[in-house]
Amino acid sequence: MNTQSDGSGFGTVLIVEDEVLVSIMIEDFLLDLGAAEVITCVTPNEAEATIGKRSINCAILDVKVGGADSFGLADALTHQDVPFFFATASGPEAIVERHRHRPILAKPFSNAQLLEFLHATMAGQGRDR
């Protein structure tokens, strides 16, 4: 898969984030990079319904969204072999044990850090192998 800095290798990216400004910033950055599509969901339930209907190439998950955690969604993404990472202000201790090996991008983050995590995730670091 192409993961050049133009973003063309990102395909369809799912963002699960309930902070509107953060999700807009990520979406705009990904679209500027040339991502094929960016889907933003504000709850894990909305995201789970989305991944049941859509093909997702990569996902960015906040840990706590819409009053719930995203670990059930992380399980579903793992089952579908969709690479993902967590973007959260919470520390690693907030991640359940079964997902602590996942990449964690600490908020606040820069566009350069986001791009680095996207490249690493698409290269396979966000998958179970």
N, C-alpha and C. Protein backbone atom coordinates (compact mmCIF):
# COMPACT_ATOMS: atom_id res chain seq x y z
N MET A 1 0.84 -1.18 0.00
CA MET A 1 0.00 0.00 0.00
C MET A 1 0.88 1.24 0.00
N ASN A 2 0.49 2.23 -0.74
CA ASN A 2 1.25 3.47 -0.84
C ASN A 2 0.95 4.33 0.39
N THR A 3 1.99 4.69 1.11
CA THR A 3 1.81 5.59 2.26
C THR A 3 2.76 6.77 2.14
N GLN A 4 2.87 7.31 0.96
CA GLN A 4 3.72 8.47 0.76
C GLN A 4 3.12 9.66 1.49
N SER A 5 3.91 10.71 1.62
CA SER A 5 3.46 11.86 2.40
C SER A 5 2.27 12.58 1.80
N ASP A 6 1.89 12.22 0.57
CA ASP A 6 0.71 12.86 -0.01
C ASP A 6 -0.59 12.27 0.52
N GLY A 7 -0.52 11.19 1.29
CA GLY A 7 -1.71 10.63 1.90
C GLY A 7 -2.50 9.72 1.01
N SER A 8 -2.07 9.51 -0.23
CA SER A 8 -2.86 8.71 -1.16
C SER A 8 -3.02 7.27 -0.71
N GLY A 9 -2.13 6.79 0.13
CA GLY A 9 -2.23 5.41 0.60
C GLY A 9 -3.12 5.23 1.81
N PHE A 10 -3.71 6.29 2.32
CA PHE A 10 -4.53 6.17 3.52
C PHE A 10 -5.92 5.64 3.22
N GLY A 11 -6.39 5.76 1.99
CA GLY A 11 -7.71 5.25 1.64
C GLY A 11 -8.79 5.92 2.46
N THR A 12 -9.68 5.11 3.01
CA THR A 12 -10.77 5.61 3.84
C THR A 12 -10.37 5.50 5.30
N VAL A 13 -10.38 6.64 5.98
CA VAL A 13 -9.96 6.71 7.38
C VAL A 13 -11.18 7.00 8.25
N LEU A 14 -11.33 6.22 9.30
CA LEU A 14 -12.39 6.42 10.29
C LEU A 14 -11.81 7.17 11.48
N ILE A 15 -12.47 8.27 11.85
CA ILE A 15 -12.10 9.03 13.05
C ILE A 15 -13.23 8.86 14.05
N VAL A 16 -12.90 8.43 15.25
CA VAL A 16 -13.90 8.32 16.32
C VAL A 16 -13.47 9.30 17.40
N GLU A 17 -14.15 10.43 17.42
CA GLU A 17 -13.75 11.57 18.26
C GLU A 17 -14.97 12.42 18.55
N ASP A 18 -15.19 12.75 19.83
CA ASP A 18 -16.35 13.57 20.17
C ASP A 18 -16.02 15.04 20.38
N GLU A 19 -14.77 15.42 20.29
CA GLU A 19 -14.39 16.83 20.34
C GLU A 19 -14.40 17.37 18.91
N VAL A 20 -15.37 18.22 18.61
CA VAL A 20 -15.61 18.68 17.25
C VAL A 20 -14.37 19.33 16.63
N LEU A 21 -13.72 20.21 17.36
CA LEU A 21 -12.55 20.89 16.79
C LEU A 21 -11.42 19.92 16.47
N VAL A 22 -11.22 18.92 17.31
CA VAL A 22 -10.18 17.93 17.06
C VAL A 22 -10.52 17.11 15.82
N SER A 23 -11.77 16.67 15.72
CA SER A 23 -12.15 15.86 14.55
C SER A 23 -12.07 16.66 13.26
N ILE A 24 -12.44 17.94 13.30
CA ILE A 24 -12.34 18.79 12.10
C ILE A 24 -10.87 18.97 11.70
N MET A 25 -10.01 19.20 12.68
CA MET A 25 -8.58 19.37 12.40
C MET A 25 -8.01 18.11 11.74
N ILE A 26 -8.33 16.95 12.30
CA ILE A 26 -7.82 15.70 11.73
C ILE A 26 -8.38 15.47 10.33
N GLU A 27 -9.68 15.66 10.18
CA GLU A 27 -10.32 15.45 8.88
C GLU A 27 -9.72 16.37 7.82
N ASP A 28 -9.60 17.65 8.12
CA ASP A 28 -9.03 18.60 7.15
C ASP A 28 -7.61 18.22 6.77
N PHE A 29 -6.81 17.82 7.74
CA PHE A 29 -5.43 17.43 7.48
C PHE A 29 -5.38 16.21 6.57
N LEU A 30 -6.20 15.21 6.87
CA LEU A 30 -6.21 13.99 6.04
C LEU A 30 -6.68 14.28 4.62
N LEU A 31 -7.69 15.10 4.48
CA LEU A 31 -8.18 15.43 3.14
C LEU A 31 -7.14 16.24 2.38
N ASP A 32 -6.46 17.16 3.07
CA ASP A 32 -5.39 17.91 2.42
C ASP A 32 -4.27 17.00 1.94
N LEU A 33 -4.04 15.91 2.67
CA LEU A 33 -3.02 14.94 2.28
C LEU A 33 -3.46 14.07 1.11
N GLY A 34 -4.76 14.08 0.83
CA GLY A 34 -5.27 13.29 -0.28
C GLY A 34 -5.93 11.99 0.11
N ALA A 35 -6.32 11.85 1.38
CA ALA A 35 -7.05 10.65 1.78
C ALA A 35 -8.30 10.53 0.91
N ALA A 36 -8.63 9.31 0.53
CA ALA A 36 -9.78 9.09 -0.34
C ALA A 36 -11.08 9.55 0.31
N GLU A 37 -11.22 9.24 1.60
CA GLU A 37 -12.43 9.61 2.33
C GLU A 37 -12.12 9.61 3.81
N VAL A 38 -12.77 10.50 4.54
CA VAL A 38 -12.66 10.55 5.99
C VAL A 38 -14.07 10.46 6.56
N ILE A 39 -14.28 9.49 7.42
CA ILE A 39 -15.58 9.30 8.07
C ILE A 39 -15.40 9.61 9.55
N THR A 40 -16.19 10.55 10.06
CA THR A 40 -16.10 10.93 11.47
C THR A 40 -17.34 10.44 12.21
N CYS A 41 -17.12 9.77 13.33
CA CYS A 41 -18.20 9.31 14.19
C CYS A 41 -17.96 9.86 15.59
N VAL A 42 -19.05 10.17 16.28
CA VAL A 42 -18.92 10.77 17.61
C VAL A 42 -19.20 9.78 18.74
N THR A 43 -19.62 8.57 18.41
CA THR A 43 -19.81 7.53 19.42
C THR A 43 -19.29 6.20 18.88
N PRO A 44 -18.88 5.31 19.77
CA PRO A 44 -18.46 3.98 19.33
C PRO A 44 -19.58 3.21 18.62
N ASN A 45 -20.82 3.36 19.09
CA ASN A 45 -21.93 2.67 18.44
C ASN A 45 -22.11 3.12 17.00
N GLU A 46 -22.02 4.42 16.77
CA GLU A 46 -22.11 4.95 15.41
C GLU A 46 -20.97 4.39 14.55
N ALA A 47 -19.79 4.32 15.11
CA ALA A 47 -18.64 3.80 14.37
C ALA A 47 -18.80 2.31 14.07
N GLU A 48 -19.30 1.53 15.04
CA GLU A 48 -19.51 0.10 14.80
C GLU A 48 -20.52 -0.12 13.68
N ALA A 49 -21.57 0.68 13.64
CA ALA A 49 -22.54 0.58 12.54
C ALA A 49 -21.87 0.92 11.22
N THR A 50 -21.00 1.90 11.23
CA THR A 50 -20.30 2.31 10.01
C THR A 50 -19.38 1.22 9.50
N ILE A 51 -18.59 0.60 10.38
CA ILE A 51 -17.66 -0.42 9.90
C ILE A 51 -18.38 -1.68 9.45
N GLY A 52 -19.64 -1.82 9.86
CA GLY A 52 -20.44 -2.94 9.38
C GLY A 52 -20.91 -2.74 7.95
N LYS A 53 -20.89 -1.50 7.48
CA LYS A 53 -21.40 -1.17 6.14
C LYS A 53 -20.33 -0.68 5.18
N ARG A 54 -19.20 -0.24 5.70
CA ARG A 54 -18.18 0.42 4.89
C ARG A 54 -16.84 -0.28 5.00
N SER A 55 -16.03 -0.13 3.98
CA SER A 55 -14.66 -0.64 4.01
C SER A 55 -13.75 0.46 4.55
N ILE A 56 -13.08 0.17 5.64
CA ILE A 56 -12.22 1.14 6.31
C ILE A 56 -10.77 0.67 6.18
N ASN A 57 -9.87 1.58 5.83
CA ASN A 57 -8.46 1.23 5.69
C ASN A 57 -7.65 1.49 6.95
N CYS A 58 -8.11 2.42 7.77
CA CYS A 58 -7.37 2.81 8.97
C CYS A 58 -8.33 3.56 9.89
N ALA A 59 -8.08 3.48 11.20
CA ALA A 59 -8.95 4.18 12.14
C ALA A 59 -8.12 4.87 13.22
N ILE A 60 -8.67 6.00 13.67
CA ILE A 60 -8.08 6.78 14.76
C ILE A 60 -9.15 6.87 15.84
N LEU A 61 -8.86 6.31 17.01
CA LEU A 61 -9.86 6.22 18.07
C LEU A 61 -9.47 7.03 19.30
N ASP A 62 -10.40 7.87 19.76
CA ASP A 62 -10.23 8.42 21.09
C ASP A 62 -10.66 7.32 22.05
N VAL A 63 -10.13 7.32 23.26
CA VAL A 63 -10.46 6.26 24.22
C VAL A 63 -11.85 6.48 24.79
N LYS A 64 -12.15 7.71 25.19
CA LYS A 64 -13.45 8.03 25.76
C LYS A 64 -14.19 8.94 24.80
N VAL A 65 -15.29 8.42 24.26
CA VAL A 65 -16.08 9.19 23.29
C VAL A 65 -17.56 9.01 23.59
N GLY A 66 -18.27 10.13 23.56
CA GLY A 66 -19.71 10.08 23.74
C GLY A 66 -20.15 9.40 25.02
N GLY A 67 -19.38 9.53 26.09
CA GLY A 67 -19.74 8.92 27.36
C GLY A 67 -19.44 7.44 27.46
N ALA A 68 -18.75 6.89 26.48
CA ALA A 68 -18.40 5.47 26.47
C ALA A 68 -16.93 5.31 26.12
N ASP A 69 -16.44 4.08 26.22
CA ASP A 69 -15.07 3.84 25.76
C ASP A 69 -15.12 3.18 24.39
N SER A 70 -13.98 3.19 23.71
CA SER A 70 -13.93 2.68 22.34
C SER A 70 -13.33 1.27 22.24
N PHE A 71 -13.25 0.55 23.35
CA PHE A 71 -12.59 -0.75 23.32
C PHE A 71 -13.39 -1.83 22.59
N GLY A 72 -14.70 -1.79 22.67
CA GLY A 72 -15.52 -2.72 21.88
C GLY A 72 -15.32 -2.48 20.39
N LEU A 73 -15.25 -1.23 20.01
CA LEU A 73 -14.96 -0.87 18.62
C LEU A 73 -13.57 -1.34 18.23
N ALA A 74 -12.60 -1.17 19.13
CA ALA A 74 -11.24 -1.64 18.87
C ALA A 74 -11.24 -3.15 18.64
N ASP A 75 -12.05 -3.87 19.41
CA ASP A 75 -12.17 -5.33 19.21
C ASP A 75 -12.73 -5.64 17.82
N ALA A 76 -13.76 -4.90 17.42
CA ALA A 76 -14.37 -5.12 16.10
C ALA A 76 -13.39 -4.81 14.98
N LEU A 77 -12.63 -3.73 15.12
CA LEU A 77 -11.62 -3.39 14.11
C LEU A 77 -10.54 -4.47 14.04
N THR A 78 -10.14 -4.99 15.20
CA THR A 78 -9.16 -6.07 15.24
C THR A 78 -9.69 -7.29 14.50
N HIS A 79 -10.94 -7.63 14.75
CA HIS A 79 -11.57 -8.78 14.10
C HIS A 79 -11.59 -8.61 12.58
N GLN A 80 -11.76 -7.38 12.12
CA GLN A 80 -11.79 -7.09 10.67
C GLN A 80 -10.40 -6.80 10.11
N ASP A 81 -9.37 -6.90 10.93
CA ASP A 81 -7.98 -6.64 10.54
C ASP A 81 -7.79 -5.23 10.00
N VAL A 82 -8.47 -4.27 10.62
CA VAL A 82 -8.32 -2.85 10.26
C VAL A 82 -7.28 -2.25 11.21
N PRO A 83 -6.21 -1.68 10.68
CA PRO A 83 -5.21 -1.07 11.55
C PRO A 83 -5.75 0.21 12.19
N PHE A 84 -5.38 0.42 13.44
CA PHE A 84 -5.84 1.62 14.14
C PHE A 84 -4.86 2.00 15.23
N PHE A 85 -5.02 3.23 15.71
CA PHE A 85 -4.29 3.67 16.89
C PHE A 85 -5.21 4.54 17.72
N PHE A 86 -4.83 4.71 18.97
CA PHE A 86 -5.58 5.57 19.88
C PHE A 86 -4.97 6.96 19.87
N ALA A 87 -5.82 7.99 19.84
CA ALA A 87 -5.40 9.38 20.00
C ALA A 87 -6.16 9.89 21.22
N THR A 88 -5.45 10.09 22.31
CA THR A 88 -6.13 10.35 23.57
C THR A 88 -5.30 11.23 24.50
N ALA A 89 -6.00 11.95 25.36
CA ALA A 89 -5.33 12.71 26.42
C ALA A 89 -5.09 11.83 27.64
N SER A 90 -5.71 10.66 27.65
CA SER A 90 -5.51 9.70 28.74
C SER A 90 -4.17 9.00 28.57
N GLY A 91 -3.61 8.55 29.64
CA GLY A 91 -2.35 7.82 29.57
C GLY A 91 -2.58 6.36 29.23
N PRO A 92 -1.50 5.60 29.08
CA PRO A 92 -1.60 4.19 28.72
C PRO A 92 -2.40 3.37 29.73
N GLU A 93 -2.43 3.82 30.98
CA GLU A 93 -3.19 3.09 32.01
C GLU A 93 -4.69 3.11 31.73
N ALA A 94 -5.16 4.03 30.90
CA ALA A 94 -6.59 4.10 30.56
C ALA A 94 -6.97 3.07 29.49
N ILE A 95 -5.98 2.45 28.88
CA ILE A 95 -6.22 1.46 27.82
C ILE A 95 -6.34 0.08 28.47
N VAL A 96 -7.36 -0.67 28.07
CA VAL A 96 -7.51 -2.03 28.61
C VAL A 96 -6.32 -2.88 28.17
N GLU A 97 -6.00 -3.85 28.97
CA GLU A 97 -4.80 -4.67 28.77
C GLU A 97 -4.72 -5.24 27.35
N ARG A 98 -5.83 -5.71 26.81
CA ARG A 98 -5.79 -6.37 25.50
C ARG A 98 -5.42 -5.43 24.35
N HIS A 99 -5.45 -4.12 24.60
CA HIS A 99 -5.11 -3.15 23.55
C HIS A 99 -3.91 -2.26 23.92
N ARG A 100 -3.24 -2.55 25.00
CA ARG A 100 -2.11 -1.70 25.42
C ARG A 100 -0.93 -1.77 24.46
N HIS A 101 -0.88 -2.78 23.62
CA HIS A 101 0.21 -2.88 22.64
C HIS A 101 -0.02 -1.97 21.43
N ARG A 102 -1.21 -1.39 21.35
CA ARG A 102 -1.53 -0.50 20.23
C ARG A 102 -0.78 0.82 20.36
N PRO A 103 -0.51 1.45 19.22
CA PRO A 103 0.09 2.78 19.27
C PRO A 103 -0.86 3.78 19.95
N ILE A 104 -0.29 4.67 20.76
CA ILE A 104 -1.07 5.70 21.46
C ILE A 104 -0.47 7.06 21.14
N LEU A 105 -1.23 7.89 20.44
CA LEU A 105 -0.83 9.25 20.12
C LEU A 105 -1.39 10.17 21.20
N ALA A 106 -0.51 10.82 21.95
CA ALA A 106 -0.93 11.67 23.07
C ALA A 106 -1.46 13.01 22.56
N LYS A 107 -2.63 13.41 23.08
CA LYS A 107 -3.17 14.74 22.80
C LYS A 107 -2.56 15.72 23.79
N PRO A 108 -2.32 16.93 23.37
CA PRO A 108 -2.43 17.44 22.00
C PRO A 108 -1.26 16.93 21.15
N PHE A 109 -1.50 16.87 19.85
CA PHE A 109 -0.47 16.39 18.93
C PHE A 109 -0.39 17.32 17.73
N SER A 110 0.73 17.26 17.05
CA SER A 110 0.94 18.09 15.86
C SER A 110 0.55 17.30 14.61
N ASN A 111 0.41 17.99 13.50
CA ASN A 111 0.15 17.31 12.23
C ASN A 111 1.28 16.36 11.88
N ALA A 112 2.51 16.75 12.18
CA ALA A 112 3.66 15.88 11.90
C ALA A 112 3.57 14.58 12.70
N GLN A 113 3.17 14.68 13.97
CA GLN A 113 3.02 13.48 14.79
C GLN A 113 1.89 12.60 14.26
N LEU A 114 0.78 13.23 13.87
CA LEU A 114 -0.34 12.49 13.31
C LEU A 114 0.09 11.75 12.05
N LEU A 115 0.81 12.42 11.19
CA LEU A 115 1.28 11.79 9.95
C LEU A 115 2.20 10.61 10.26
N GLU A 116 3.08 10.79 11.22
CA GLU A 116 3.99 9.70 11.62
C GLU A 116 3.20 8.48 12.10
N PHE A 117 2.18 8.69 12.92
CA PHE A 117 1.37 7.59 13.41
C PHE A 117 0.58 6.93 12.29
N LEU A 118 0.06 7.73 11.37
CA LEU A 118 -0.67 7.16 10.23
C LEU A 118 0.23 6.27 9.39
N HIS A 119 1.43 6.74 9.09
CA HIS A 119 2.37 5.94 8.31
C HIS A 119 2.70 4.63 9.03
N ALA A 120 2.99 4.73 10.32
CA ALA A 120 3.33 3.53 11.09
C ALA A 120 2.15 2.56 11.14
N THR A 121 0.96 3.09 11.31
CA THR A 121 -0.24 2.25 11.38
C THR A 121 -0.49 1.55 10.06
N MET A 122 -0.38 2.29 8.98
CA MET A 122 -0.61 1.69 7.66
C MET A 122 0.49 0.69 7.31
N ALA A 123 1.65 0.83 7.91
CA ALA A 123 2.76 -0.11 7.66
C ALA A 123 2.60 -1.38 8.50
N GLY A 124 1.55 -1.43 9.31
CA GLY A 124 1.26 -2.65 10.03
C GLY A 124 1.39 -2.60 11.52
N GLN A 125 1.83 -1.48 12.08
CA GLN A 125 2.02 -1.43 13.53
C GLN A 125 0.70 -1.35 14.30
N GLY A 126 -0.39 -1.05 13.64
CA GLY A 126 -1.68 -0.96 14.32
C GLY A 126 -2.49 -2.23 14.21
N ARG A 127 -1.88 -3.31 13.69
CA ARG A 127 -2.58 -4.58 13.51
C ARG A 127 -2.07 -5.62 14.49
N ASP A 128 -2.92 -6.59 14.75
CA ASP A 128 -2.48 -7.79 15.46
C ASP A 128 -1.91 -8.73 14.44
N ARG A 129 -0.78 -9.31 14.72
CA ARG A 129 -0.16 -10.27 13.80
C ARG A 129 0.20 -11.51 14.55
